[in-house]
Amino acid sequence: MNAADYLVAWAIIRSWKAEGARKDMLQSAKDADRLPFVTVALIRIAALLAHASEVDRDFTQQLVYANDANIVTRILSVTDQILSAIDADQRPSAEALMAQLDAIPEHLAFRDIVTSEVEVDT
């Protein structure tokens, strides 16, 4: 996995209002043989969102009942609900939250780099 996978995953999540764009991004990831990595990135980002919004249990249930064919759909269902709730909140704090969320891909990519360096050193 690389930083680009997280960026693509976040773009897919953020495209919750543009189904066509979302489908195109998923197809592009599939065509580039990156869909498995993007799916893992989707899971990690969705888990962070679910935990932060206290819907961990709902997210876990979506994963439990997902099969290979619909796992991405299930993940995006949860993230769509979370982003929809944030979007419905018209306060300035919602915009600030979205700005913070935009840093998630970089944060996860950085953690992967640090973790892989630690594993190499041990």
N, C-alpha and C. Protein backbone atom coordinates (compact mmCIF):
# COMPACT_ATOMS: atom_id res chain seq x y z
N MET A 1 0.85 -1.18 0.00
CA MET A 1 0.00 0.00 0.00
C MET A 1 0.88 1.23 0.00
N ASN A 2 0.38 2.29 -0.64
CA ASN A 2 1.15 3.52 -0.66
C ASN A 2 0.23 4.71 -0.38
N ALA A 3 0.83 5.88 -0.27
CA ALA A 3 0.07 7.08 0.07
C ALA A 3 -1.02 7.36 -0.96
N ALA A 4 -0.75 7.06 -2.21
CA ALA A 4 -1.75 7.30 -3.26
C ALA A 4 -3.02 6.48 -3.03
N ASP A 5 -2.87 5.27 -2.49
CA ASP A 5 -4.04 4.43 -2.21
C ASP A 5 -4.96 5.10 -1.20
N TYR A 6 -4.37 5.72 -0.18
CA TYR A 6 -5.17 6.44 0.81
C TYR A 6 -5.84 7.66 0.19
N LEU A 7 -5.12 8.36 -0.67
CA LEU A 7 -5.69 9.54 -1.31
C LEU A 7 -6.85 9.16 -2.22
N VAL A 8 -6.69 8.07 -2.95
CA VAL A 8 -7.78 7.59 -3.82
C VAL A 8 -8.96 7.16 -2.96
N ALA A 9 -8.70 6.42 -1.90
CA ALA A 9 -9.78 5.97 -1.01
C ALA A 9 -10.53 7.17 -0.43
N TRP A 10 -9.80 8.18 0.01
CA TRP A 10 -10.45 9.35 0.58
C TRP A 10 -11.26 10.09 -0.48
N ALA A 11 -10.74 10.18 -1.70
CA ALA A 11 -11.49 10.82 -2.79
C ALA A 11 -12.77 10.05 -3.07
N ILE A 12 -12.70 8.73 -3.02
CA ILE A 12 -13.89 7.90 -3.23
C ILE A 12 -14.90 8.17 -2.12
N ILE A 13 -14.44 8.20 -0.89
CA ILE A 13 -15.34 8.47 0.24
C ILE A 13 -15.95 9.86 0.10
N ARG A 14 -15.13 10.85 -0.23
CA ARG A 14 -15.61 12.24 -0.34
C ARG A 14 -16.57 12.43 -1.51
N SER A 15 -16.59 11.49 -2.45
CA SER A 15 -17.46 11.63 -3.62
C SER A 15 -18.87 11.09 -3.35
N TRP A 16 -19.27 11.08 -2.10
CA TRP A 16 -20.54 10.48 -1.73
C TRP A 16 -21.74 11.14 -2.40
N LYS A 17 -21.59 12.35 -2.89
CA LYS A 17 -22.70 13.02 -3.58
C LYS A 17 -22.62 12.86 -5.10
N ALA A 18 -21.57 12.24 -5.58
CA ALA A 18 -21.34 12.11 -7.03
C ALA A 18 -21.12 10.64 -7.38
N GLU A 19 -22.19 9.91 -7.52
CA GLU A 19 -22.11 8.46 -7.74
C GLU A 19 -21.33 8.11 -9.00
N GLY A 20 -21.49 8.89 -10.06
CA GLY A 20 -20.76 8.62 -11.30
C GLY A 20 -19.26 8.75 -11.11
N ALA A 21 -18.85 9.81 -10.44
CA ALA A 21 -17.42 10.02 -10.17
C ALA A 21 -16.88 8.90 -9.30
N ARG A 22 -17.67 8.48 -8.33
CA ARG A 22 -17.25 7.40 -7.44
C ARG A 22 -17.04 6.10 -8.23
N LYS A 23 -17.99 5.79 -9.10
CA LYS A 23 -17.85 4.57 -9.91
C LYS A 23 -16.62 4.64 -10.80
N ASP A 24 -16.38 5.83 -11.38
CA ASP A 24 -15.20 6.00 -12.23
C ASP A 24 -13.91 5.79 -11.45
N MET A 25 -13.85 6.34 -10.23
CA MET A 25 -12.64 6.18 -9.41
C MET A 25 -12.43 4.72 -9.02
N LEU A 26 -13.51 4.03 -8.68
CA LEU A 26 -13.39 2.61 -8.34
C LEU A 26 -12.92 1.80 -9.54
N GLN A 27 -13.48 2.11 -10.70
CA GLN A 27 -13.07 1.40 -11.92
C GLN A 27 -11.61 1.69 -12.25
N SER A 28 -11.21 2.92 -12.08
CA SER A 28 -9.82 3.30 -12.33
C SER A 28 -8.86 2.54 -11.41
N ALA A 29 -9.23 2.43 -10.14
CA ALA A 29 -8.42 1.67 -9.18
C ALA A 29 -8.36 0.20 -9.58
N LYS A 30 -9.48 -0.32 -10.03
CA LYS A 30 -9.52 -1.72 -10.47
C LYS A 30 -8.64 -1.92 -11.70
N ASP A 31 -8.76 -1.01 -12.67
CA ASP A 31 -7.97 -1.12 -13.90
C ASP A 31 -6.47 -1.03 -13.62
N ALA A 32 -6.10 -0.28 -12.59
CA ALA A 32 -4.69 -0.12 -12.24
C ALA A 32 -4.21 -1.21 -11.28
N ASP A 33 -5.06 -2.20 -11.04
CA ASP A 33 -4.74 -3.29 -10.10
C ASP A 33 -4.45 -2.77 -8.69
N ARG A 34 -5.11 -1.68 -8.30
CA ARG A 34 -4.91 -1.10 -6.97
C ARG A 34 -6.15 -1.29 -6.09
N LEU A 35 -7.22 -1.86 -6.63
CA LEU A 35 -8.46 -1.96 -5.86
C LEU A 35 -8.29 -2.69 -4.53
N PRO A 36 -7.54 -3.78 -4.45
CA PRO A 36 -7.36 -4.42 -3.13
C PRO A 36 -6.72 -3.47 -2.11
N PHE A 37 -5.75 -2.70 -2.55
CA PHE A 37 -5.08 -1.76 -1.65
C PHE A 37 -5.98 -0.59 -1.29
N VAL A 38 -6.72 -0.11 -2.28
CA VAL A 38 -7.67 0.98 -2.03
C VAL A 38 -8.77 0.50 -1.09
N THR A 39 -9.18 -0.75 -1.22
CA THR A 39 -10.20 -1.30 -0.32
C THR A 39 -9.70 -1.34 1.11
N VAL A 40 -8.46 -1.75 1.31
CA VAL A 40 -7.88 -1.74 2.66
C VAL A 40 -7.84 -0.31 3.19
N ALA A 41 -7.46 0.63 2.34
CA ALA A 41 -7.43 2.04 2.74
C ALA A 41 -8.84 2.52 3.09
N LEU A 42 -9.83 2.10 2.31
CA LEU A 42 -11.23 2.45 2.62
C LEU A 42 -11.62 1.93 4.00
N ILE A 43 -11.26 0.69 4.28
CA ILE A 43 -11.60 0.09 5.58
C ILE A 43 -10.95 0.88 6.71
N ARG A 44 -9.68 1.21 6.56
CA ARG A 44 -8.98 1.93 7.63
C ARG A 44 -9.56 3.33 7.84
N ILE A 45 -9.82 4.03 6.75
CA ILE A 45 -10.39 5.38 6.87
C ILE A 45 -11.79 5.29 7.46
N ALA A 46 -12.59 4.35 6.97
CA ALA A 46 -13.95 4.19 7.48
C ALA A 46 -13.94 3.84 8.96
N ALA A 47 -13.00 3.01 9.37
CA ALA A 47 -12.91 2.65 10.79
C ALA A 47 -12.62 3.88 11.64
N LEU A 48 -11.73 4.74 11.17
CA LEU A 48 -11.45 5.99 11.90
C LEU A 48 -12.69 6.87 11.97
N LEU A 49 -13.38 7.01 10.85
CA LEU A 49 -14.60 7.82 10.84
C LEU A 49 -15.67 7.23 11.76
N ALA A 50 -15.83 5.92 11.68
CA ALA A 50 -16.83 5.25 12.51
C ALA A 50 -16.52 5.41 13.99
N HIS A 51 -15.26 5.26 14.34
CA HIS A 51 -14.86 5.42 15.73
C HIS A 51 -15.08 6.86 16.20
N ALA A 52 -14.67 7.81 15.39
CA ALA A 52 -14.80 9.22 15.76
C ALA A 52 -16.26 9.64 15.89
N SER A 53 -17.12 9.04 15.09
CA SER A 53 -18.54 9.41 15.14
C SER A 53 -19.36 8.45 15.99
N GLU A 54 -18.67 7.54 16.65
CA GLU A 54 -19.29 6.61 17.59
C GLU A 54 -20.31 5.68 16.94
N VAL A 55 -20.03 5.27 15.71
CA VAL A 55 -20.88 4.27 15.05
C VAL A 55 -20.06 3.00 14.74
N ASP A 56 -19.11 2.72 15.62
CA ASP A 56 -18.22 1.56 15.45
C ASP A 56 -19.02 0.27 15.25
N ARG A 57 -20.05 0.11 16.06
CA ARG A 57 -20.83 -1.13 16.00
C ARG A 57 -21.49 -1.28 14.63
N ASP A 58 -22.08 -0.20 14.11
CA ASP A 58 -22.71 -0.26 12.80
C ASP A 58 -21.69 -0.64 11.72
N PHE A 59 -20.51 -0.05 11.82
CA PHE A 59 -19.47 -0.34 10.84
C PHE A 59 -19.05 -1.81 10.93
N THR A 60 -18.89 -2.29 12.13
CA THR A 60 -18.51 -3.69 12.33
C THR A 60 -19.56 -4.62 11.74
N GLN A 61 -20.83 -4.30 11.96
CA GLN A 61 -21.90 -5.13 11.41
C GLN A 61 -21.87 -5.13 9.89
N GLN A 62 -21.60 -3.96 9.29
CA GLN A 62 -21.51 -3.90 7.83
C GLN A 62 -20.40 -4.83 7.32
N LEU A 63 -19.27 -4.85 8.02
CA LEU A 63 -18.17 -5.71 7.59
C LEU A 63 -18.48 -7.18 7.81
N VAL A 64 -19.15 -7.49 8.90
CA VAL A 64 -19.49 -8.89 9.20
C VAL A 64 -20.39 -9.47 8.11
N TYR A 65 -21.34 -8.68 7.64
CA TYR A 65 -22.30 -9.19 6.67
C TYR A 65 -21.87 -8.97 5.22
N ALA A 66 -20.73 -8.36 5.01
CA ALA A 66 -20.26 -8.11 3.64
C ALA A 66 -19.58 -9.35 3.08
N ASN A 67 -19.77 -9.55 1.79
CA ASN A 67 -18.98 -10.58 1.11
C ASN A 67 -18.05 -9.86 0.14
N ASP A 68 -17.23 -10.62 -0.55
CA ASP A 68 -16.25 -10.00 -1.45
C ASP A 68 -16.90 -9.09 -2.48
N ALA A 69 -18.08 -9.46 -2.93
CA ALA A 69 -18.73 -8.71 -4.00
C ALA A 69 -19.26 -7.36 -3.54
N ASN A 70 -19.59 -7.23 -2.26
CA ASN A 70 -20.21 -5.97 -1.84
C ASN A 70 -19.50 -5.28 -0.68
N ILE A 71 -18.28 -5.64 -0.38
CA ILE A 71 -17.61 -5.04 0.77
C ILE A 71 -17.41 -3.54 0.58
N VAL A 72 -17.03 -3.13 -0.62
CA VAL A 72 -16.82 -1.70 -0.87
C VAL A 72 -18.15 -0.95 -0.71
N THR A 73 -19.22 -1.52 -1.22
CA THR A 73 -20.54 -0.90 -1.09
C THR A 73 -20.92 -0.75 0.37
N ARG A 74 -20.68 -1.76 1.17
CA ARG A 74 -21.01 -1.71 2.61
C ARG A 74 -20.17 -0.65 3.32
N ILE A 75 -18.89 -0.60 3.02
CA ILE A 75 -18.02 0.40 3.65
C ILE A 75 -18.50 1.79 3.29
N LEU A 76 -18.78 2.01 2.01
CA LEU A 76 -19.19 3.34 1.57
C LEU A 76 -20.57 3.71 2.11
N SER A 77 -21.40 2.73 2.38
CA SER A 77 -22.69 3.02 3.00
C SER A 77 -22.50 3.68 4.36
N VAL A 78 -21.56 3.16 5.13
CA VAL A 78 -21.29 3.73 6.45
C VAL A 78 -20.67 5.12 6.32
N THR A 79 -19.67 5.25 5.45
CA THR A 79 -19.02 6.57 5.32
C THR A 79 -19.99 7.60 4.75
N ASP A 80 -20.87 7.18 3.85
CA ASP A 80 -21.88 8.11 3.32
C ASP A 80 -22.77 8.64 4.44
N GLN A 81 -23.18 7.76 5.33
CA GLN A 81 -24.04 8.18 6.45
C GLN A 81 -23.31 9.17 7.35
N ILE A 82 -22.04 8.91 7.61
CA ILE A 82 -21.26 9.79 8.48
C ILE A 82 -21.08 11.15 7.82
N LEU A 83 -20.67 11.17 6.55
CA LEU A 83 -20.46 12.44 5.86
C LEU A 83 -21.77 13.19 5.66
N SER A 84 -22.85 12.47 5.47
CA SER A 84 -24.16 13.11 5.34
C SER A 84 -24.54 13.83 6.63
N ALA A 85 -24.26 13.20 7.76
CA ALA A 85 -24.55 13.83 9.06
C ALA A 85 -23.68 15.07 9.26
N ILE A 86 -22.42 14.98 8.86
CA ILE A 86 -21.53 16.15 8.97
C ILE A 86 -22.02 17.25 8.05
N ASP A 87 -22.41 16.88 6.83
CA ASP A 87 -22.88 17.85 5.84
C ASP A 87 -24.16 18.55 6.30
N ALA A 88 -25.01 17.82 7.01
CA ALA A 88 -26.27 18.40 7.49
C ALA A 88 -26.04 19.44 8.57
N ASP A 89 -24.90 19.36 9.21
CA ASP A 89 -24.54 20.32 10.26
C ASP A 89 -23.95 21.55 9.59
N GLN A 90 -24.72 22.61 9.52
CA GLN A 90 -24.31 23.80 8.78
C GLN A 90 -23.43 24.75 9.59
N ARG A 91 -23.03 24.35 10.77
CA ARG A 91 -22.19 25.22 11.60
C ARG A 91 -20.77 25.26 11.06
N PRO A 92 -20.04 26.30 11.38
CA PRO A 92 -18.63 26.38 10.96
C PRO A 92 -17.80 25.20 11.47
N SER A 93 -18.22 24.62 12.58
CA SER A 93 -17.47 23.48 13.12
C SER A 93 -17.49 22.30 12.15
N ALA A 94 -18.54 22.18 11.34
CA ALA A 94 -18.61 21.09 10.36
C ALA A 94 -17.53 21.27 9.29
N GLU A 95 -17.33 22.51 8.85
CA GLU A 95 -16.28 22.77 7.86
C GLU A 95 -14.90 22.50 8.45
N ALA A 96 -14.72 22.89 9.70
CA ALA A 96 -13.43 22.65 10.37
C ALA A 96 -13.19 21.15 10.50
N LEU A 97 -14.24 20.40 10.81
CA LEU A 97 -14.11 18.94 10.93
C LEU A 97 -13.72 18.33 9.59
N MET A 98 -14.35 18.77 8.52
CA MET A 98 -14.01 18.23 7.20
C MET A 98 -12.56 18.55 6.85
N ALA A 99 -12.10 19.72 7.21
CA ALA A 99 -10.69 20.08 6.96
C ALA A 99 -9.77 19.13 7.73
N GLN A 100 -10.14 18.80 8.94
CA GLN A 100 -9.34 17.85 9.73
C GLN A 100 -9.39 16.46 9.10
N LEU A 101 -10.55 16.06 8.63
CA LEU A 101 -10.69 14.74 8.03
C LEU A 101 -9.87 14.62 6.75
N ASP A 102 -9.69 15.73 6.05
CA ASP A 102 -8.89 15.70 4.82
C ASP A 102 -7.44 15.28 5.08
N ALA A 103 -7.00 15.36 6.32
CA ALA A 103 -5.63 14.97 6.67
C ALA A 103 -5.49 13.46 6.94
N ILE A 104 -6.59 12.75 6.98
CA ILE A 104 -6.56 11.32 7.29
C ILE A 104 -5.66 10.52 6.35
N PRO A 105 -5.76 10.69 5.02
CA PRO A 105 -4.90 9.88 4.15
C PRO A 105 -3.42 10.06 4.43
N GLU A 106 -2.99 11.29 4.64
CA GLU A 106 -1.58 11.55 4.93
C GLU A 106 -1.18 10.93 6.27
N HIS A 107 -2.06 11.03 7.25
CA HIS A 107 -1.78 10.47 8.57
C HIS A 107 -1.59 8.95 8.49
N LEU A 108 -2.49 8.28 7.79
CA LEU A 108 -2.40 6.82 7.69
C LEU A 108 -1.18 6.40 6.88
N ALA A 109 -0.89 7.11 5.81
CA ALA A 109 0.30 6.79 5.01
C ALA A 109 1.56 6.97 5.84
N PHE A 110 1.61 8.03 6.63
CA PHE A 110 2.76 8.28 7.50
C PHE A 110 2.92 7.14 8.51
N ARG A 111 1.81 6.72 9.10
CA ARG A 111 1.86 5.61 10.06
C ARG A 111 2.38 4.34 9.41
N ASP A 112 1.97 4.09 8.18
CA ASP A 112 2.46 2.91 7.47
C ASP A 112 3.96 2.97 7.26
N ILE A 113 4.45 4.15 6.89
CA ILE A 113 5.89 4.32 6.67
C ILE A 113 6.66 4.08 7.96
N VAL A 114 6.20 4.70 9.04
CA VAL A 114 6.87 4.55 10.33
C VAL A 114 6.83 3.09 10.78
N THR A 115 5.69 2.47 10.66
CA THR A 115 5.54 1.08 11.07
C THR A 115 6.46 0.16 10.27
N SER A 116 6.52 0.38 8.97
CA SER A 116 7.38 -0.48 8.15
C SER A 116 8.85 -0.28 8.49
N GLU A 117 9.24 0.94 8.84
CA GLU A 117 10.63 1.19 9.24
C GLU A 117 10.94 0.52 10.57
N VAL A 118 10.00 0.54 11.48
CA VAL A 118 10.20 -0.10 12.78
C VAL A 118 10.31 -1.61 12.60
N GLU A 119 9.48 -2.18 11.73
CA GLU A 119 9.53 -3.62 11.49
C GLU A 119 10.85 -4.04 10.86
N VAL A 120 11.41 -3.20 10.00
CA VAL A 120 12.69 -3.50 9.36
C VAL A 120 13.81 -3.46 10.39
N ASP A 121 13.73 -2.52 11.33
CA ASP A 121 14.77 -2.36 12.35
C ASP A 121 14.77 -3.48 13.39
N THR A 122 13.64 -4.15 13.58
CA THR A 122 13.58 -5.17 14.63
C THR A 122 13.93 -6.54 14.14
